[in-house]
Amino acid sequence: MCSKDPRPIFGLVDVNSFYCSCERIFRPELRHRPVVVLSNSDGCIVARTNEAKALGLKMGDPYFKVRNFLEQNGVAVFSSNYTLYGELSHRVGVAIASLVPEWERYSIDELFVKLDGLPEPIIDVGRAIQARVLQWTALPVGVGIGHTKTLAKAAQHASKVWREKTGGVVDLRKPDAVEWLLRRMPVDEVWGIGSRMRDNLARDGITTAWELSQADARAMGRKYSVVLERTIRELQGESCMDLEQTVAPKQTICSSKMFGQRVHTLQGLQEALATYIHRAAEKLRLQRSLCGAMRIGIQTSFHGDGPKYANAATCIPAYPTDDVRQLTKYALQAAEQIYRPGFAYSKAEVLLLDLRKRGEYTQDLFSPSQPERSDALMATMDKINRRWGHDCLRTAAVPLTPDWGMRRALLSPSYMTSWDQLWKVQCR
């Protein structure tokens, strides 16, 4: 490969079967057994190992429907352990950052990296990343390399499909390699092409990534969207997306989950709302925003024969705030207004609205603003929770062990973040 090519070099690092691989680290006897991980409240399958895929298990299969099949075929089943996955995701990032000049987290199990200026052959850098992540975290990763983010994503796809031949690292910078792969790649495997766009492109006679790359980018952009135009240009080797060094602040923050058990009382709903506000307020303070409005909602399940009910209320704090005490107070008052007895509630939701970045909005001269003592208290609470766990300090309305908590009957221990659940090794 010519080292004088002025185009940037991107890599995409992806952990193979991330959730399942995290579970296997501390259960080595599962290395060659099929493993699946379930969604919130053990609802459906959201992650599978290759062995589980070979059994015909699909993403989204409801657990209650395939439970007997899983038991009959010796499939190891886990509830989602987001504490464990988050900690290992962080460690993967640390390992990768030790080898590359720039990187961007794309998702919990994927990171884009910039490889410009590193010595050739760049594929050796990919293998070094692979080896270091394995050494530091025991997680297997694939690495795709290309002149654009979209081609790096395609290369990473190839590293999974042809893992034995490639060793999990694919360099997709040579034109003949790009053509070879894109001709064999269905168009809906291209990053950003969903099922609806796939069907639209099929009507235009485009079914492969190669055919899409040969389309007129400007004309397709006018016909469909600027996003598709950008995708085509990236497939053609023109970089249209750089690494995002900072994450844009969210315009809304939502915290919502289905209950593990139906809730019948106002107190139970208020406990759930207080818990969700605790999480949402942490995110709010993390991006240094204040909340100017909040919407809370409750609902029953709309399946089955029981009575149905859903309602919501919007709260306007006296001043924009990130103080969890104030937000909780307004939410509990609103819950009293919309609660109706006699229903089996299945879900509650908190939505923080009208988010304002600190220092970037004009305060009303005649309206109160959040007092400095609230800022100091929230900063202290966040510092303690970062050190000892995000539930160490919380409002009194948040229960320690709620009856309505998310159902996670198959949850693995928090091996890396809880003293009483550390991995134990017995010596004989």
Protein backbone atom coordinates (compact mmCIF):
# COMPACT_ATOMS: atom_id res chain seq x y z
CA MET A 1 0.00 0.00 0.00
CA CYS A 2 1.40 3.39 -0.94
CA SER A 3 2.23 5.34 2.22
CA LYS A 4 1.82 8.67 0.36
CA ASP A 5 -1.95 8.30 0.00
CA PRO A 6 -3.30 11.52 1.59
CA ARG A 7 -6.61 10.02 2.64
CA PRO A 8 -7.25 9.31 6.33
CA ILE A 9 -7.10 5.79 7.74
CA PHE A 10 -9.91 4.65 10.05
CA GLY A 11 -10.25 1.51 12.07
CA LEU A 12 -13.32 0.02 13.71
CA VAL A 13 -12.74 -2.20 16.72
CA ASP A 14 -15.70 -4.39 17.68
CA VAL A 15 -15.93 -6.91 20.53
CA ASN A 16 -17.23 -10.24 19.28
CA SER A 17 -20.59 -11.18 20.88
CA PHE A 18 -19.84 -8.59 23.57
CA TYR A 19 -22.43 -9.40 26.24
CA CYS A 20 -21.87 -13.13 25.90
CA SER A 21 -18.08 -12.75 25.83
CA CYS A 22 -18.25 -10.74 29.08
CA GLU A 23 -20.13 -13.59 30.74
CA ARG A 24 -17.66 -16.16 29.48
CA ILE A 25 -14.65 -14.41 31.05
CA PHE A 26 -15.64 -15.58 34.51
CA ARG A 27 -17.17 -18.86 33.35
CA PRO A 28 -14.42 -20.49 31.26
CA GLU A 29 -16.38 -23.77 31.13
CA LEU A 30 -18.78 -21.95 28.77
CA ARG A 31 -16.09 -21.24 26.17
CA HIS A 32 -17.52 -23.68 23.64
CA ARG A 33 -21.12 -23.82 24.88
CA PRO A 34 -23.92 -21.75 23.33
CA VAL A 35 -24.64 -18.64 25.40
CA VAL A 36 -27.44 -16.06 25.17
CA VAL A 37 -28.15 -12.87 27.10
CA LEU A 38 -31.67 -11.59 27.72
CA SER A 39 -33.14 -8.09 27.58
CA ASN A 40 -34.51 -6.08 30.52
CA SER A 41 -36.80 -8.13 32.76
CA ASP A 42 -35.62 -11.30 30.98
CA GLY A 43 -37.90 -10.53 28.05
CA CYS A 44 -36.14 -11.72 24.90
CA ILE A 45 -32.76 -12.69 23.47
CA VAL A 46 -30.52 -9.68 22.72
CA ALA A 47 -27.11 -11.37 22.35
CA ARG A 48 -25.97 -14.78 21.06
CA THR A 49 -22.71 -16.62 20.57
CA ASN A 50 -22.01 -18.33 17.26
CA GLU A 51 -22.93 -21.66 18.85
CA ALA A 52 -26.35 -20.24 19.79
CA LYS A 53 -26.83 -18.87 16.27
CA ALA A 54 -26.05 -22.32 14.86
CA LEU A 55 -29.01 -23.69 16.85
CA GLY A 56 -31.30 -21.32 14.96
CA LEU A 57 -31.88 -18.87 17.82
CA LYS A 58 -32.81 -15.39 16.61
CA MET A 59 -32.39 -11.92 18.06
CA GLY A 60 -35.65 -10.94 19.71
CA ASP A 61 -36.85 -14.49 20.39
CA PRO A 62 -39.10 -14.24 23.50
CA TYR A 63 -37.53 -16.11 26.40
CA PHE A 64 -40.76 -17.75 27.52
CA LYS A 65 -41.22 -19.26 24.05
CA VAL A 66 -37.71 -20.73 23.68
CA ARG A 67 -37.01 -21.55 27.32
CA ASN A 68 -37.56 -25.31 26.94
CA PHE A 69 -35.50 -25.36 23.75
CA LEU A 70 -32.63 -23.59 25.52
CA GLU A 71 -32.70 -26.11 28.38
CA GLN A 72 -32.84 -29.10 26.03
CA ASN A 73 -29.82 -27.86 24.07
CA GLY A 74 -27.65 -26.90 27.04
CA VAL A 75 -27.69 -23.17 26.28
CA ALA A 76 -26.34 -20.99 29.10
CA VAL A 77 -28.75 -18.10 29.71
CA PHE A 78 -27.97 -14.81 31.49
CA SER A 79 -29.90 -11.73 32.47
CA SER A 80 -28.34 -8.47 31.25
CA ASN A 81 -25.59 -7.38 33.67
CA TYR A 82 -25.02 -3.79 32.55
CA THR A 83 -22.71 -3.02 35.47
CA LEU A 84 -20.32 -5.73 34.32
CA TYR A 85 -20.61 -4.81 30.63
CA GLY A 86 -20.04 -1.12 31.31
CA GLU A 87 -16.89 -1.78 33.33
CA LEU A 88 -15.42 -4.07 30.67
CA SER A 89 -16.36 -1.60 27.92
CA HIS A 90 -14.37 1.07 29.76
CA ARG A 91 -11.36 -1.23 30.02
CA VAL A 92 -11.52 -2.04 26.32
CA GLY A 93 -11.36 1.71 25.62
CA VAL A 94 -8.34 2.10 27.89
CA ALA A 95 -6.53 -0.74 26.13
CA ILE A 96 -7.20 0.69 22.67
CA ALA A 97 -6.32 4.26 23.70
CA SER A 98 -2.85 3.03 24.69
CA LEU A 99 -2.05 2.23 21.05
CA VAL A 100 -3.74 4.89 18.88
CA PRO A 101 -3.56 8.70 18.72
CA GLU A 102 -7.34 9.30 18.45
CA TRP A 103 -10.44 7.26 19.10
CA GLU A 104 -14.21 7.65 19.36
CA ARG A 105 -16.64 5.42 21.22
CA TYR A 106 -19.44 4.48 18.84
CA SER A 107 -21.31 2.09 21.15
CA ILE A 108 -20.71 -0.02 24.23
CA ASP A 109 -18.82 -2.61 22.15
CA GLU A 110 -17.51 -0.59 19.17
CA LEU A 111 -14.84 2.11 18.86
CA PHE A 112 -13.59 4.00 15.83
CA VAL A 113 -9.86 4.78 15.81
CA LYS A 114 -7.70 7.05 13.66
CA LEU A 115 -4.59 5.30 12.33
CA ASP A 116 -3.03 8.15 10.32
CA GLY A 117 0.70 8.48 10.72
CA LEU A 118 1.24 5.03 12.20
CA PRO A 119 3.91 2.84 10.54
CA GLU A 120 2.97 0.41 7.81
CA PRO A 121 1.82 -2.27 7.58
CA ILE A 122 -1.25 -0.88 9.32
CA ILE A 123 -2.73 -4.37 9.56
CA ASP A 124 -0.06 -5.09 12.18
CA VAL A 125 -1.43 -2.20 14.24
CA GLY A 126 -4.84 -3.85 14.02
CA ARG A 127 -3.37 -7.12 15.26
CA ALA A 128 -1.60 -5.28 18.09
CA ILE A 129 -4.94 -3.76 19.15
CA GLN A 130 -6.51 -7.19 19.01
CA ALA A 131 -3.74 -8.71 21.14
CA ARG A 132 -3.72 -5.94 23.74
CA VAL A 133 -7.47 -5.97 24.28
CA LEU A 134 -7.33 -9.74 24.69
CA GLN A 135 -4.42 -9.48 27.12
CA TRP A 136 -5.92 -6.67 29.21
CA THR A 137 -9.58 -7.74 29.22
CA ALA A 138 -9.75 -11.35 27.89
CA LEU A 139 -12.26 -10.14 25.26
CA PRO A 140 -11.94 -11.11 21.57
CA VAL A 141 -12.21 -8.25 19.07
CA GLY A 142 -12.31 -7.83 15.32
CA VAL A 143 -10.70 -4.88 13.54
CA GLY A 144 -11.69 -3.38 10.20
CA ILE A 145 -9.49 -0.81 8.42
CA GLY A 146 -10.45 1.54 5.58
CA HIS A 147 -10.11 5.07 4.20
CA THR A 148 -13.61 5.97 5.47
CA LYS A 149 -15.69 5.06 8.48
CA THR A 150 -18.17 3.20 6.28
CA LEU A 151 -15.44 1.11 4.65
CA ALA A 152 -13.87 0.41 8.06
CA LYS A 153 -17.28 -0.82 9.19
CA ALA A 154 -17.52 -3.03 6.08
CA ALA A 155 -14.03 -4.39 6.74
CA GLN A 156 -15.00 -5.24 10.31
CA HIS A 157 -18.04 -7.08 8.95
CA ALA A 158 -15.69 -9.11 6.76
CA SER A 159 -13.47 -9.88 9.75
CA LYS A 160 -16.47 -11.63 11.35
CA VAL A 161 -17.69 -13.48 8.25
CA TRP A 162 -14.23 -14.77 7.31
CA ARG A 163 -12.71 -14.86 10.78
CA GLU A 164 -10.68 -18.05 10.25
CA LYS A 165 -9.07 -16.76 7.06
CA THR A 166 -8.45 -13.20 8.26
CA GLY A 167 -7.68 -13.78 11.91
CA GLY A 168 -10.24 -11.12 12.73
CA VAL A 169 -8.35 -8.19 11.12
CA VAL A 170 -9.14 -6.88 7.60
CA ASP A 171 -7.37 -4.03 5.77
CA LEU A 172 -9.76 -2.71 3.12
CA ARG A 173 -7.73 0.07 1.51
CA LYS A 174 -6.75 -1.48 -1.82
CA PRO A 175 -9.34 -0.86 -4.57
CA ASP A 176 -9.44 -4.51 -5.63
CA ALA A 177 -10.07 -5.60 -2.03
CA VAL A 178 -12.89 -3.06 -1.73
CA GLU A 179 -14.53 -4.33 -4.92
CA TRP A 180 -14.14 -7.99 -3.92
CA LEU A 181 -15.88 -7.43 -0.59
CA LEU A 182 -18.61 -5.03 -1.71
CA ARG A 183 -19.66 -7.39 -4.53
CA ARG A 184 -20.30 -10.09 -1.89
CA MET A 185 -21.93 -7.81 0.68
CA PRO A 186 -25.74 -7.41 0.73
CA VAL A 187 -26.73 -3.75 0.62
CA ASP A 188 -28.49 -3.92 3.99
CA GLU A 189 -25.16 -4.87 5.62
CA VAL A 190 -23.84 -1.40 4.74
CA TRP A 191 -23.65 0.89 7.77
CA GLY A 192 -26.81 3.02 7.91
CA ILE A 193 -28.87 1.05 5.38
CA GLY A 194 -32.00 -0.27 7.09
CA SER A 195 -34.72 -2.57 5.83
CA ARG A 196 -36.86 0.25 4.43
CA MET A 197 -33.98 1.72 2.43
CA ARG A 198 -33.00 -1.78 1.32
CA ASP A 199 -36.46 -2.24 -0.18
CA ASN A 200 -36.30 1.18 -1.88
CA LEU A 201 -32.88 0.39 -3.35
CA ALA A 202 -34.08 -3.03 -4.53
CA ARG A 203 -36.70 -1.27 -6.66
CA ASP A 204 -33.80 0.63 -8.23
CA GLY A 205 -32.02 -2.65 -8.98
CA ILE A 206 -29.47 -2.21 -6.19
CA THR A 207 -29.02 -5.27 -3.98
CA THR A 208 -25.30 -5.30 -3.17
CA ALA A 209 -22.93 -2.82 -1.57
CA TRP A 210 -20.94 -2.72 -4.81
CA GLU A 211 -23.98 -1.68 -6.85
CA LEU A 212 -24.69 1.04 -4.31
CA SER A 213 -21.11 2.29 -4.54
CA GLN A 214 -21.47 2.64 -8.33
CA ALA A 215 -24.61 4.78 -8.08
CA ASP A 216 -24.60 8.53 -8.70
CA ALA A 217 -24.22 9.92 -5.17
CA ARG A 218 -25.73 13.33 -5.89
CA ALA A 219 -28.74 11.93 -7.76
CA MET A 220 -29.42 9.36 -5.02
CA GLY A 221 -29.10 12.09 -2.42
CA ARG A 222 -31.74 14.17 -4.20
CA LYS A 223 -34.02 11.15 -4.54
CA TYR A 224 -33.67 9.84 -0.99
CA SER A 225 -31.55 11.76 1.52
CA VAL A 226 -28.23 13.49 2.12
CA VAL A 227 -27.39 10.61 4.48
CA LEU A 228 -27.54 8.11 1.60
CA GLU A 229 -25.45 10.43 -0.57
CA ARG A 230 -22.82 10.53 2.16
CA THR A 231 -22.88 6.74 2.48
CA ILE A 232 -22.30 6.30 -1.26
CA ARG A 233 -19.41 8.75 -1.25
CA GLU A 234 -17.86 6.90 1.68
CA LEU A 235 -18.19 3.59 -0.18
CA GLN A 236 -16.38 5.28 -3.07
CA GLY A 237 -13.48 6.12 -0.74
CA GLU A 238 -14.31 9.78 -0.02
CA SER A 239 -14.22 10.43 3.73
CA CYS A 240 -17.29 12.43 4.80
CA MET A 241 -17.22 11.68 8.55
CA ASP A 242 -14.36 12.33 10.93
CA LEU A 243 -14.02 11.14 14.51
CA GLU A 244 -16.39 12.86 16.92
CA GLN A 245 -14.19 13.99 19.80
CA THR A 246 -17.08 15.29 21.90
CA VAL A 247 -20.61 14.01 22.34
CA ALA A 248 -23.32 16.61 21.79
CA PRO A 249 -25.46 17.23 24.89
CA LYS A 250 -28.80 15.46 24.82
CA GLN A 251 -31.85 17.62 24.24
CA THR A 252 -33.99 15.28 26.34
CA ILE A 253 -33.15 12.60 28.90
CA CYS A 254 -35.45 9.63 29.39
CA SER A 255 -35.41 6.96 32.10
CA SER A 256 -38.00 4.23 31.71
CA LYS A 257 -38.29 0.49 32.38
CA MET A 258 -40.92 -2.20 32.60
CA PHE A 259 -41.47 -3.43 36.15
CA GLY A 260 -40.37 -6.93 37.11
CA GLN A 261 -43.73 -7.27 38.89
CA ARG A 262 -46.96 -5.34 38.52
CA VAL A 263 -47.31 -2.35 40.84
CA HIS A 264 -50.69 -1.71 42.47
CA THR A 265 -49.97 1.12 44.93
CA LEU A 266 -49.15 4.81 44.71
CA GLN A 267 -46.12 4.27 46.95
CA GLY A 268 -44.73 1.67 44.57
CA LEU A 269 -45.10 4.03 41.61
CA GLN A 270 -43.51 6.88 43.52
CA GLU A 271 -40.55 4.68 44.47
CA ALA A 272 -40.08 3.73 40.81
CA LEU A 273 -40.28 7.34 39.63
CA ALA A 274 -37.81 8.45 42.32
CA THR A 275 -35.40 5.72 41.19
CA TYR A 276 -35.66 6.74 37.54
CA ILE A 277 -35.18 10.42 38.42
CA HIS A 278 -32.04 9.49 40.36
CA ARG A 279 -30.59 7.98 37.15
CA ALA A 280 -31.81 10.77 34.87
CA ALA A 281 -30.48 13.52 37.15
CA GLU A 282 -27.04 11.90 37.16
CA LYS A 283 -26.99 12.06 33.35
CA LEU A 284 -28.25 15.64 33.49
CA ARG A 285 -25.41 16.76 35.75
CA LEU A 286 -22.85 14.79 33.75
CA GLN A 287 -23.53 16.94 30.68
CA ARG A 288 -23.78 20.09 32.86
CA SER A 289 -27.37 20.86 31.96
CA LEU A 290 -30.38 22.08 33.94
CA CYS A 291 -33.94 20.83 33.53
CA GLY A 292 -36.69 23.36 32.83
CA ALA A 293 -39.58 20.89 32.52
CA MET A 294 -40.31 17.27 33.27
CA ARG A 295 -42.93 14.81 32.10
CA ILE A 296 -43.76 11.69 34.07
CA GLY A 297 -45.97 8.86 32.87
CA ILE A 298 -47.47 5.63 34.18
CA GLN A 299 -49.28 2.84 32.36
CA THR A 300 -50.67 -0.66 32.62
CA SER A 301 -49.88 -3.38 30.12
CA PHE A 302 -52.00 -3.14 26.99
CA HIS A 303 -51.86 -6.90 26.48
CA GLY A 304 -54.15 -9.37 28.19
CA ASP A 305 -57.63 -9.01 29.62
CA GLY A 306 -57.08 -6.74 32.62
CA PRO A 307 -58.26 -3.11 32.86
CA LYS A 308 -56.17 -0.60 30.91
CA TYR A 309 -55.01 2.83 31.99
CA ALA A 310 -52.27 5.29 31.05
CA ASN A 311 -51.69 8.89 32.01
CA ALA A 312 -48.94 11.49 32.18
CA ALA A 313 -48.30 14.89 33.70
CA THR A 314 -45.86 17.70 32.97
CA CYS A 315 -44.11 19.51 35.82
CA ILE A 316 -42.45 22.94 35.62
CA PRO A 317 -39.90 23.52 38.39
CA ALA A 318 -39.72 26.98 39.97
CA TYR A 319 -36.30 27.34 38.30
CA PRO A 320 -34.15 25.21 35.96
CA THR A 321 -32.47 22.64 38.18
CA ASP A 322 -30.33 19.52 38.33
CA ASP A 323 -31.07 18.99 42.03
CA VAL A 324 -32.45 15.47 42.35
CA ARG A 325 -34.38 16.49 45.48
CA GLN A 326 -36.34 19.15 43.62
CA LEU A 327 -37.02 16.94 40.62
CA THR A 328 -38.17 14.09 42.87
CA LYS A 329 -40.52 16.40 44.80
CA TYR A 330 -42.29 17.54 41.63
CA ALA A 331 -42.51 13.99 40.26
CA LEU A 332 -44.06 12.57 43.43
CA GLN A 333 -46.65 15.35 43.48
CA ALA A 334 -47.51 14.68 39.84
CA ALA A 335 -47.83 10.95 40.51
CA GLU A 336 -50.51 11.68 43.11
CA GLN A 337 -52.52 13.55 40.46
CA ILE A 338 -52.47 10.84 37.80
CA TYR A 339 -52.55 7.69 39.94
CA ARG A 340 -55.78 5.71 39.90
CA PRO A 341 -56.34 2.75 42.26
CA GLY A 342 -57.48 -0.62 41.00
CA PHE A 343 -54.95 -0.99 38.18
CA ALA A 344 -51.89 -3.22 37.81
CA TYR A 345 -49.22 -0.84 36.54
CA SER A 346 -46.44 -2.28 34.36
CA LYS A 347 -44.28 0.74 33.52
CA ALA A 348 -43.28 4.24 34.62
CA GLU A 349 -41.32 6.86 32.71
CA VAL A 350 -39.44 10.06 33.45
CA LEU A 351 -38.63 12.48 30.61
CA LEU A 352 -36.51 15.56 31.34
CA LEU A 353 -37.31 18.37 28.90
CA ASP A 354 -36.27 21.95 28.14
CA LEU A 355 -32.64 21.16 28.96
CA ARG A 356 -30.43 24.23 29.26
CA LYS A 357 -26.67 24.20 29.23
CA ARG A 358 -25.14 25.93 32.24
CA GLY A 359 -23.82 29.37 31.29
CA GLU A 360 -25.50 29.28 27.87
CA TYR A 361 -28.94 30.69 28.68
CA THR A 362 -30.17 33.99 30.09
CA GLN A 363 -31.76 33.81 33.50
CA ASP A 364 -34.87 35.83 34.28
CA LEU A 365 -33.83 38.74 36.50
CA PHE A 366 -36.98 38.41 38.63
CA SER A 367 -37.10 34.60 38.88
CA PRO A 368 -35.21 32.48 41.40
CA SER A 369 -32.30 30.34 40.29
CA GLN A 370 -30.77 27.22 41.74
CA PRO A 371 -28.95 28.14 44.97
CA GLU A 372 -25.20 27.55 45.25
CA ARG A 373 -25.70 25.16 48.16
CA SER A 374 -27.64 22.84 45.82
CA ASP A 375 -24.75 22.88 43.37
CA ALA A 376 -22.30 22.03 46.15
CA LEU A 377 -24.49 19.23 47.51
CA MET A 378 -25.05 17.62 44.10
CA ALA A 379 -21.31 17.83 43.32
CA THR A 380 -20.51 16.10 46.62
CA MET A 381 -23.13 13.42 46.05
CA ASP A 382 -21.82 12.69 42.54
CA LYS A 383 -18.25 12.49 43.83
CA ILE A 384 -19.21 9.95 46.51
CA ASN A 385 -21.32 7.90 44.11
CA ARG A 386 -18.54 7.78 41.52
CA ARG A 387 -16.21 6.50 44.20
CA TRP A 388 -18.48 4.00 45.93
CA GLY A 389 -21.24 3.22 43.43
CA HIS A 390 -24.09 5.28 41.95
CA ASP A 391 -26.61 4.04 44.57
CA CYS A 392 -24.45 4.86 47.59
CA LEU A 393 -26.17 8.23 48.18
CA ARG A 394 -29.75 8.70 47.04
CA THR A 395 -32.96 10.37 48.12
CA ALA A 396 -35.02 8.64 50.80
CA ALA A 397 -37.74 7.96 48.22
CA VAL A 398 -35.47 5.48 46.40
CA PRO A 399 -35.81 1.99 47.95
CA LEU A 400 -32.81 -0.24 48.51
CA THR A 401 -34.48 -3.46 47.29
CA PRO A 402 -37.73 -2.63 45.48
CA ASP A 403 -40.44 -5.26 45.09
CA TRP A 404 -41.16 -3.93 41.59
CA GLY A 405 -37.52 -4.11 40.43
CA MET A 406 -36.57 -5.37 37.00
CA ARG A 407 -36.79 -9.15 36.79
CA ARG A 408 -33.28 -10.56 36.41
CA ALA A 409 -33.52 -14.11 37.69
CA LEU A 410 -30.40 -15.20 35.78
CA LEU A 411 -28.10 -12.32 36.71
CA SER A 412 -24.40 -13.08 37.02
CA PRO A 413 -22.38 -11.53 39.88
CA SER A 414 -20.82 -8.06 39.56
CA TYR A 415 -17.36 -9.61 39.63
CA MET A 416 -15.47 -6.34 39.13
CA THR A 417 -17.47 -3.67 40.95
CA SER A 418 -18.78 -5.22 44.19
CA TRP A 419 -16.58 -6.35 47.09
CA ASP A 420 -18.96 -9.12 48.12
CA GLN A 421 -19.21 -10.48 44.57
CA LEU A 422 -15.53 -10.61 43.61
CA TRP A 423 -14.44 -13.66 41.64
CA LYS A 424 -13.32 -16.38 44.03
CA VAL A 425 -10.69 -18.97 43.11
CA GLN A 426 -10.36 -22.06 45.29
CA CYS A 427 -6.92 -23.65 45.57
CA ARG A 428 -6.74 -27.39 46.07
